[in-house]
Protein backbone atom coordinates (compact mmCIF):
# COMPACT_ATOMS: atom_id res chain seq x y z
CA MET A 1 151.29 177.82 144.02
CA SER A 2 153.27 174.55 144.18
CA LYS A 3 156.43 173.96 145.85
CA ILE A 4 159.74 174.38 144.40
CA LEU A 5 162.68 172.15 145.65
CA ILE A 6 166.47 173.83 144.66
CA ARG A 7 168.60 170.65 145.00
CA GLY A 8 172.15 170.94 145.56
CA ALA A 9 173.05 174.70 145.24
CA LYS A 10 175.68 176.26 147.24
CA VAL A 11 174.10 178.86 148.93
CA LEU A 12 175.52 182.27 149.05
CA GLY A 13 178.80 180.35 147.65
CA GLY A 14 179.09 177.99 150.52
CA GLU A 15 178.25 174.46 150.76
CA ALA A 16 175.64 172.55 148.78
CA GLN A 17 172.08 172.84 150.26
CA ASP A 18 168.45 171.93 149.16
CA VAL A 19 166.02 174.89 149.17
CA LEU A 20 162.55 174.30 149.68
CA ILE A 21 160.33 176.97 148.47
CA ASP A 22 156.37 176.75 149.47
CA GLY A 23 153.97 179.30 147.68
CA GLU A 24 155.88 182.85 148.54
CA THR A 25 158.51 181.74 151.06
CA ILE A 26 161.37 179.69 152.07
CA ALA A 27 160.10 176.93 153.97
CA GLU A 28 163.21 175.04 154.51
CA VAL A 29 167.22 174.82 154.21
CA GLY A 30 169.02 172.07 154.64
CA GLN A 31 170.54 169.07 153.24
CA GLY A 32 168.68 165.81 152.05
CA LEU A 33 165.30 167.74 151.46
CA THR A 34 161.86 165.96 150.34
CA ALA A 35 158.82 167.15 149.31
CA GLU A 36 156.15 165.56 147.64
CA GLY A 37 154.79 166.86 144.55
CA ALA A 38 157.58 169.45 144.50
CA GLU A 39 158.76 170.86 141.31
CA VAL A 40 163.01 169.95 141.62
CA VAL A 41 165.60 172.29 140.31
CA GLU A 42 168.97 170.31 139.66
CA ALA A 43 171.34 173.16 140.80
CA ALA A 44 174.65 171.37 142.01
CA GLY A 45 177.51 172.95 141.24
CA LYS A 46 175.56 176.59 141.01
CA VAL A 47 175.34 179.46 143.42
CA LEU A 48 172.00 180.22 144.94
CA LEU A 49 172.22 184.28 145.99
CA PRO A 50 169.04 186.44 146.96
CA GLY A 51 167.49 188.23 144.44
CA LEU A 52 169.70 191.08 143.14
CA VAL A 53 168.09 194.71 143.71
CA ASP A 54 169.47 197.41 141.37
CA LEU A 55 169.18 201.22 143.20
CA HIS A 56 169.77 202.53 139.57
CA THR A 57 167.66 201.68 136.64
CA HIS A 58 166.32 203.95 133.86
CA LEU A 59 162.89 202.26 132.52
CA ARG A 60 162.38 205.25 130.40
CA GLU A 61 158.42 204.87 130.64
CA PRO A 62 156.65 207.34 130.26
CA GLY A 63 157.66 209.39 128.10
CA ARG A 64 161.05 207.31 126.10
CA GLU A 65 159.08 203.93 125.30
CA ASP A 66 161.09 203.82 122.42
CA SER A 67 164.30 203.13 124.29
CA GLU A 68 162.59 200.64 127.47
CA THR A 69 159.12 200.10 129.07
CA VAL A 70 158.50 199.14 132.39
CA LEU A 71 157.83 195.66 130.90
CA THR A 72 161.00 195.18 128.95
CA GLY A 73 163.13 196.92 131.51
CA THR A 74 161.81 194.58 134.22
CA ARG A 75 161.98 191.60 131.82
CA ALA A 76 165.67 192.34 131.29
CA ALA A 77 166.19 192.76 134.92
CA ALA A 78 164.79 189.30 135.71
CA SER A 79 166.99 187.94 132.97
CA GLY A 80 170.09 189.54 135.07
CA GLY A 81 169.03 188.22 138.20
CA TYR A 82 167.00 191.07 139.34
CA THR A 83 163.93 190.93 142.03
CA ALA A 84 163.40 194.76 142.58
CA VAL A 85 164.72 197.78 140.55
CA PHE A 86 164.57 201.26 141.50
CA ALA A 87 163.54 203.66 138.37
CA MET A 88 165.20 207.07 138.04
CA ALA A 89 162.81 210.06 137.80
CA ASN A 90 164.09 211.29 134.48
CA THR A 91 161.13 210.49 132.41
CA PHE A 92 158.71 212.27 130.31
CA PRO A 93 157.22 213.64 132.17
CA VAL A 94 159.60 213.90 134.84
CA ALA A 95 158.64 211.93 138.03
CA ASP A 96 158.37 215.10 140.12
CA THR A 97 154.72 214.18 141.48
CA ALA A 98 152.47 211.54 143.23
CA GLY A 99 150.80 210.70 140.29
CA VAL A 100 153.62 210.15 138.28
CA VAL A 101 155.71 207.76 140.34
CA GLU A 102 152.40 206.01 141.20
CA GLN A 103 151.86 205.31 137.50
CA VAL A 104 155.54 203.49 137.22
CA TYR A 105 154.96 201.87 140.65
CA ARG A 106 151.63 200.38 139.08
CA LEU A 107 153.23 199.15 136.08
CA GLY A 108 155.62 197.38 137.70
CA GLN A 109 152.85 195.43 139.73
CA GLU A 110 151.01 194.76 136.63
CA HIS A 111 153.69 193.58 134.58
CA GLY A 112 155.32 191.25 137.58
CA TYR A 113 159.03 190.32 136.73
CA CYS A 114 160.52 192.56 139.27
CA ASP A 115 159.45 195.08 141.92
CA VAL A 116 159.56 198.32 140.73
CA GLN A 117 160.51 201.43 143.43
CA PRO A 118 160.31 204.47 141.57
CA ILE A 119 162.86 207.19 142.71
CA GLY A 120 161.54 210.79 142.78
CA ALA A 121 162.99 213.97 141.48
CA VAL A 122 164.62 216.55 144.05
CA THR A 123 163.74 219.20 141.78
CA VAL A 124 160.65 220.39 139.63
CA GLY A 125 161.50 219.35 136.37
CA LEU A 126 165.13 218.48 136.90
CA GLU A 127 165.60 221.94 136.87
CA GLY A 128 167.64 222.32 140.30
CA ARG A 129 165.46 225.49 140.75
CA LYS A 130 162.44 224.25 143.31
CA LEU A 131 162.28 221.43 145.66
CA ALA A 132 159.72 218.74 144.04
CA GLU A 133 156.82 217.17 145.97
CA LEU A 134 159.05 215.07 147.96
CA GLY A 135 156.66 214.50 150.77
CA ALA A 136 153.64 213.73 148.26
CA MET A 137 155.82 211.17 146.60
CA HIS A 138 156.71 209.16 149.97
CA GLU A 139 153.06 209.51 151.31
CA SER A 140 151.52 207.88 147.89
CA ALA A 141 151.21 204.33 147.21
CA ALA A 142 154.31 204.45 145.39
CA GLY A 143 155.94 204.91 148.85
CA VAL A 144 159.16 206.84 147.57
CA THR A 145 162.01 206.82 149.77
CA VAL A 146 164.99 207.74 147.56
CA PHE A 147 164.87 211.16 145.24
CA SER A 148 167.75 211.76 142.69
CA ASP A 149 168.04 214.38 139.65
CA ASP A 150 170.01 211.61 138.33
CA GLY A 151 171.06 212.71 134.40
CA LYS A 152 171.71 216.48 136.23
CA CYS A 153 173.44 217.45 139.27
CA VAL A 154 171.62 219.10 142.02
CA ASP A 155 174.41 221.80 142.12
CA ASP A 156 172.72 224.82 144.04
CA ALA A 157 174.07 224.05 147.80
CA VAL A 158 171.11 225.55 149.17
CA ILE A 159 168.45 223.61 147.24
CA MET A 160 170.65 220.18 148.05
CA ARG A 161 170.89 221.45 151.64
CA ARG A 162 167.04 221.89 151.74
CA ALA A 163 166.38 218.22 149.96
CA LEU A 164 167.98 217.07 152.77
CA GLU A 165 166.47 218.15 155.75
CA TYR A 166 162.93 217.59 154.14
CA VAL A 167 164.11 213.71 154.02
CA LYS A 168 165.63 213.55 156.85
CA ALA A 169 161.91 213.43 158.29
CA PHE A 170 161.11 210.29 156.89
CA GLY A 171 164.16 208.37 156.63
CA GLY A 172 164.51 209.19 153.04
CA VAL A 173 167.70 209.62 151.16
CA VAL A 174 169.26 211.52 148.44
CA ALA A 175 170.99 210.66 145.96
CA GLN A 176 173.44 212.69 144.05
CA HIS A 177 174.78 212.70 140.47
CA ALA A 178 178.13 214.17 141.16
CA GLN A 179 178.79 216.52 138.45
CA GLU A 180 179.71 220.29 138.75
CA PRO A 181 178.19 221.68 135.25
CA ARG A 182 180.60 224.68 135.08
CA LEU A 183 183.22 222.29 134.99
CA THR A 184 182.10 219.69 132.16
CA GLU A 185 180.83 222.34 129.32
CA GLY A 186 181.48 220.74 126.27
CA ALA A 187 182.97 217.90 127.93
CA GLN A 188 182.89 214.29 126.17
CA MET A 189 184.87 211.66 127.77
CA ASN A 190 187.52 211.84 130.82
CA GLU A 191 190.07 214.51 131.02
CA GLY A 192 193.67 212.96 130.06
CA ILE A 193 195.73 212.10 128.29
CA VAL A 194 193.32 210.43 125.94
CA SER A 195 191.47 213.16 125.44
CA ALA A 196 194.40 215.43 124.79
CA GLU A 197 195.37 212.65 122.27
CA LEU A 198 191.98 212.65 120.63
CA GLY A 199 190.84 216.51 121.13
CA LEU A 200 188.16 215.75 122.98
CA GLY A 201 186.55 217.84 125.78
CA GLY A 202 187.70 216.64 129.18
CA TRP A 203 185.41 215.73 131.58
CA PRO A 204 187.58 216.29 134.82
CA ALA A 205 187.41 213.72 137.89
CA VAL A 206 187.28 216.97 140.10
CA ALA A 207 183.87 217.95 138.61
CA GLU A 208 182.91 215.05 140.11
CA GLU A 209 184.47 214.91 143.51
CA SER A 210 184.15 218.88 144.46
CA ILE A 211 180.19 218.14 144.10
CA ILE A 212 180.70 214.66 146.65
CA ALA A 213 182.98 216.75 148.84
CA ARG A 214 180.15 219.48 149.30
CA ASP A 215 177.61 217.32 149.82
CA VAL A 216 178.95 214.78 152.57
CA LEU A 217 179.72 218.13 154.30
CA LEU A 218 175.98 218.97 154.02
CA ALA A 219 175.05 215.50 155.00
CA GLU A 220 177.15 215.87 158.15
CA HIS A 221 175.60 219.45 159.12
CA VAL A 222 172.11 218.70 158.19
CA GLY A 223 172.57 214.74 160.22
CA SER A 224 170.72 213.28 156.77
CA ARG A 225 171.96 210.54 154.66
CA VAL A 226 173.14 210.99 151.01
CA HIS A 227 174.11 208.16 148.71
CA ILE A 228 176.52 208.77 145.65
CA CYS A 229 175.41 207.51 142.15
CA HIS A 230 177.90 206.21 139.95
CA LEU A 231 181.26 207.35 141.34
CA SER A 232 184.15 206.83 139.08
CA THR A 233 187.28 208.20 140.27
CA ALA A 234 189.94 207.68 142.59
CA GLY A 235 189.59 210.60 144.28
CA SER A 236 185.82 209.90 144.67
CA VAL A 237 186.93 207.10 146.65
CA GLU A 238 189.06 208.68 149.05
CA ILE A 239 186.83 211.44 149.89
CA VAL A 240 184.11 208.71 150.50
CA ARG A 241 186.24 207.31 152.73
CA TRP A 242 187.10 209.95 154.90
CA ALA A 243 183.64 210.57 155.28
CA LYS A 244 182.58 207.58 156.33
CA SER A 245 185.55 207.86 159.12
CA ARG A 246 184.04 211.15 160.71
CA GLY A 247 180.83 209.11 160.99
CA ILE A 248 178.91 210.86 158.10
CA ASP A 249 175.93 208.91 156.58
CA VAL A 250 176.85 208.18 153.49
CA THR A 251 177.00 205.65 151.09
CA ALA A 252 178.25 204.63 147.37
CA GLU A 253 177.66 202.68 144.53
CA VAL A 254 179.88 201.85 141.58
CA THR A 255 178.57 200.84 137.91
CA PRO A 256 180.06 197.52 136.51
CA HIS A 257 181.33 199.07 133.65
CA HIS A 258 183.72 201.21 135.49
CA LEU A 259 184.91 198.10 137.18
CA LEU A 260 186.17 196.96 133.93
CA LEU A 261 186.30 199.51 131.16
CA THR A 262 188.73 202.48 130.54
CA ASP A 263 188.72 205.62 128.66
CA GLU A 264 191.34 204.28 126.13
CA LEU A 265 188.08 201.97 124.62
CA VAL A 266 187.23 206.09 123.43
CA ARG A 267 190.12 205.74 121.00
CA SER A 268 187.68 203.83 118.57
CA TYR A 269 185.06 206.65 118.56
CA ASN A 270 182.62 204.13 119.22
CA PRO A 271 179.73 205.78 120.98
CA VAL A 272 178.46 202.78 122.72
CA TYR A 273 181.64 203.74 125.42
CA LYS A 274 180.18 207.41 125.89
CA VAL A 275 178.70 207.40 129.22
CA ASN A 276 178.10 209.73 132.11
CA PRO A 277 179.98 209.77 134.63
CA PRO A 278 182.51 208.73 131.83
CA LEU A 279 184.91 206.00 131.81
CA ARG A 280 188.01 206.76 133.85
CA THR A 281 192.21 205.66 133.59
CA GLU A 282 193.24 201.93 135.09
CA ARG A 283 194.23 203.59 137.70
CA ASP A 284 190.68 204.76 138.67
CA VAL A 285 189.37 200.89 137.69
CA THR A 286 191.52 199.51 140.30
CA ALA A 287 190.66 201.94 143.00
CA LEU A 288 187.14 201.57 142.20
CA ARG A 289 187.73 197.47 142.56
CA GLU A 290 189.68 198.19 145.79
CA ALA A 291 187.12 200.16 147.50
CA LEU A 292 183.84 198.19 146.40
CA ALA A 293 186.34 195.27 148.33
CA ASP A 294 186.66 197.03 151.37
CA GLY A 295 183.31 198.59 151.86
CA THR A 296 184.25 201.92 151.12
CA ILE A 297 181.67 201.92 148.11
CA ASP A 298 178.75 200.09 149.03
CA ILE A 299 177.25 198.72 146.27
CA VAL A 300 177.00 197.75 142.71
CA ALA A 301 174.24 199.65 140.85
CA THR A 302 173.99 198.98 136.75
CA ASP A 303 173.01 202.57 135.80
CA HIS A 304 171.11 200.40 133.18
CA ALA A 305 170.42 203.44 130.39
CA PRO A 306 169.20 202.02 127.13
CA HIS A 307 169.05 204.50 123.97
CA PRO A 308 167.14 203.38 120.61
CA HIS A 309 169.83 202.66 117.48
CA GLU A 310 169.37 205.65 116.00
CA ASP A 311 170.86 207.77 119.33
CA LYS A 312 174.14 205.56 119.26
CA ASP A 313 174.69 204.80 115.88
CA CYS A 314 175.89 208.23 114.95
CA GLU A 315 179.40 210.40 115.59
CA TRP A 316 180.56 210.52 119.06
CA ALA A 317 179.38 214.33 119.09
CA ALA A 318 175.88 213.98 118.84
CA ALA A 319 175.31 210.48 120.65
CA ALA A 320 173.36 209.91 123.46
CA MET A 321 175.48 209.00 126.84
CA GLY A 322 174.54 205.51 128.43
CA MET A 323 174.84 201.81 128.33
CA VAL A 324 172.21 198.82 128.87
CA GLY A 325 173.45 196.86 132.12
CA LEU A 326 170.59 194.91 133.83
CA GLU A 327 171.71 191.41 132.05
CA THR A 328 175.21 191.62 132.08
CA ALA A 329 175.67 192.89 135.54
CA LEU A 330 176.43 189.88 137.79
CA SER A 331 178.70 188.51 135.12
CA VAL A 332 181.17 191.51 134.88
CA VAL A 333 181.01 191.41 138.69
CA GLN A 334 181.96 187.74 138.77
CA GLU A 335 184.84 188.46 136.57
CA THR A 336 186.27 191.89 138.21
CA MET A 337 185.59 191.19 141.91
CA VAL A 338 185.36 187.03 142.35
CA GLU A 339 187.68 185.96 140.01
CA THR A 340 190.01 188.57 140.89
CA GLY A 341 190.04 187.38 144.77
CA LEU A 342 188.67 190.76 145.78
CA LEU A 343 184.60 189.64 146.99
CA ASP A 344 183.51 185.69 147.08
CA TRP A 345 179.80 185.05 146.52
CA ALA A 346 178.66 186.43 150.34
CA GLY A 347 180.35 189.73 149.05
CA VAL A 348 178.71 189.87 145.90
CA ALA A 349 175.31 189.30 147.88
CA ASP A 350 175.80 192.02 150.26
CA ARG A 351 177.12 194.40 147.36
CA MET A 352 174.35 193.86 145.18
CA SER A 353 171.40 192.75 147.16
CA PHE A 354 171.93 192.82 151.11
CA LYS A 355 172.75 196.66 151.03
CA PRO A 356 171.27 198.12 147.72
CA ALA A 357 167.34 196.78 149.51
CA GLU A 358 168.70 198.27 152.87
CA ILE A 359 169.24 201.67 151.24
CA GLY A 360 166.71 201.79 149.05
CA ARG A 361 164.39 200.45 151.69
CA ALA A 362 162.87 197.33 149.42
CA LYS A 363 161.05 195.56 151.88
CA GLY A 364 161.13 192.13 151.37
CA HIS A 365 164.31 192.48 149.16
CA GLY A 366 167.98 191.78 150.69
CA ARG A 367 166.85 188.75 153.06
CA PRO A 368 169.12 185.76 154.21
CA VAL A 369 168.39 182.58 151.99
CA SER A 370 167.03 181.31 155.47
CA ALA A 371 163.25 179.56 156.41
CA GLY A 372 160.97 182.27 156.72
CA GLU A 373 162.26 184.53 154.21
CA PRO A 374 160.47 185.69 150.99
CA ALA A 375 161.33 183.73 148.17
CA ASN A 376 163.37 186.25 146.10
CA LEU A 377 166.07 184.11 144.60
CA THR A 378 168.50 183.82 142.21
CA LEU A 379 170.59 180.86 140.86
CA VAL A 380 174.03 181.39 138.80
CA ASP A 381 175.90 179.03 136.81
CA THR A 382 178.80 180.66 137.65
CA ALA A 383 181.35 177.80 135.29
CA TYR A 384 179.42 178.95 132.19
CA ARG A 385 181.43 181.21 129.60
CA GLY A 386 179.79 182.77 126.63
CA GLN A 387 180.07 185.47 124.50
CA VAL A 388 177.66 188.81 124.97
CA ASP A 389 174.83 188.97 122.22
CA PRO A 390 172.70 191.71 122.07
CA GLU A 391 170.13 190.25 119.95
CA GLY A 392 169.14 187.91 122.47
CA PHE A 393 168.35 190.63 125.05
CA ALA A 394 164.97 190.81 126.90
CA SER A 395 165.93 194.97 127.05
CA ARG A 396 164.20 196.85 124.30
CA SER A 397 167.87 198.44 123.31
CA ARG A 398 170.99 197.12 122.15
CA ASN A 399 173.55 199.77 123.45
CA THR A 400 176.03 197.30 125.40
CA PRO A 401 179.43 198.06 125.62
CA TYR A 402 180.49 194.00 125.77
CA GLU A 403 178.99 193.00 122.42
CA GLY A 404 181.10 189.88 121.37
CA ARG A 405 183.00 189.94 124.62
CA GLU A 406 183.55 186.74 126.57
CA LEU A 407 182.24 187.11 130.02
CA PRO A 408 181.74 184.45 132.87
CA GLY A 409 178.41 183.28 134.78
CA ARG A 410 175.00 183.10 133.37
CA VAL A 411 171.90 183.41 135.54
CA THR A 412 169.62 180.30 135.07
CA HIS A 413 166.76 180.70 137.09
CA THR A 414 165.31 183.61 139.00
CA TRP A 415 162.47 184.17 141.44
CA LEU A 416 159.70 186.42 142.67
CA ARG A 417 157.98 185.34 145.92
CA GLY A 418 158.22 182.13 144.97
CA LYS A 419 157.17 182.18 141.22
CA ALA A 420 159.84 181.62 138.55
CA THR A 421 159.93 184.92 136.40
CA LEU A 422 163.39 183.29 134.81
CA VAL A 423 163.67 179.29 134.20
CA ASP A 424 166.64 177.62 132.30
CA GLY A 425 167.93 181.47 131.11
CA LYS A 426 164.68 181.87 129.40
CA LEU A 427 161.76 184.29 130.70
CA THR A 428 158.41 182.78 131.95
């Protein structure tokens, strides 16, 4: 592989430095570097980050290739600056066996736009009644460490306890979709003033918060790790903050859309704003931003949920829940966290690369930008501003809530182990 010299980039938003890539690794970081025959990337004014890691992506393959495939999803990931994604288990068939997770893992290796780490289902068929083959998935070629029934809650406390006990044996983590099913029957949006005025079934905050409270206590009892998916309410923040103060091994994620959008948008009845968990209030958004800034919420995860046109271009009640997010996540974080002064770029690197890689045990990812480390890198033009045009997405689906919205920042280059997957904003 040829040498690449990234010249004058602000590493993690700091002082301008040169970064020399030689093969799959970073050979040198400093100022005034030269390398004979190296490809030079002029990066003055741009920010260089470690490759982003998404702990919560839906790639849909196998079974829903009309929405997304491992190829199109990883192309979208590379476009957004990601070098590794964790693929959720709610495929068809469900990723509840070693065979299915190995299939997804090998598809990721074959396509090569980013590393794909499958997430295994907690229960067989996501049905919540019987533990899936957790040990076999961990011992498989995919080496699964994260397990989740995302899309459905593991609502049975005994099953959840057993899962936490099982994964403890090999240092795994259960990622919980916190949604008490009886409290959300018929729910269409956040329960509050807007739902009452629109006459839509309300999704109460307590449906999320009650499960999180139960699960952090179970994790403490078992001595295991639990991760909270797409935390969305101010009350959930307080529960996680309390749990961490007790030394409970809990981590939590927030999505970009929950950092920016509120339930007021549902007044349009545009199904693009229908998501699980639902968009919440301005008070919740403020609490989520503050919690991400102070570390109560550990990471940003996209919950990239692609759907075909016909599943969103319909009446609200019939529409599927979910939004695509891989290609806009960093821009939303720049607007909500960096430009508000809540995080600097080193903090973004922590929340979108270092910490998610640590939680998911993603080897070779979330590493410092320094000599000897894998050359998994993302270059960002932070001065750019432009309108979101989903027609230019690499994802197979277009269900973005940001169409036509101006967002800051643009990923110009992504390198996976020294190989460019994105150059000047275009996939290689």
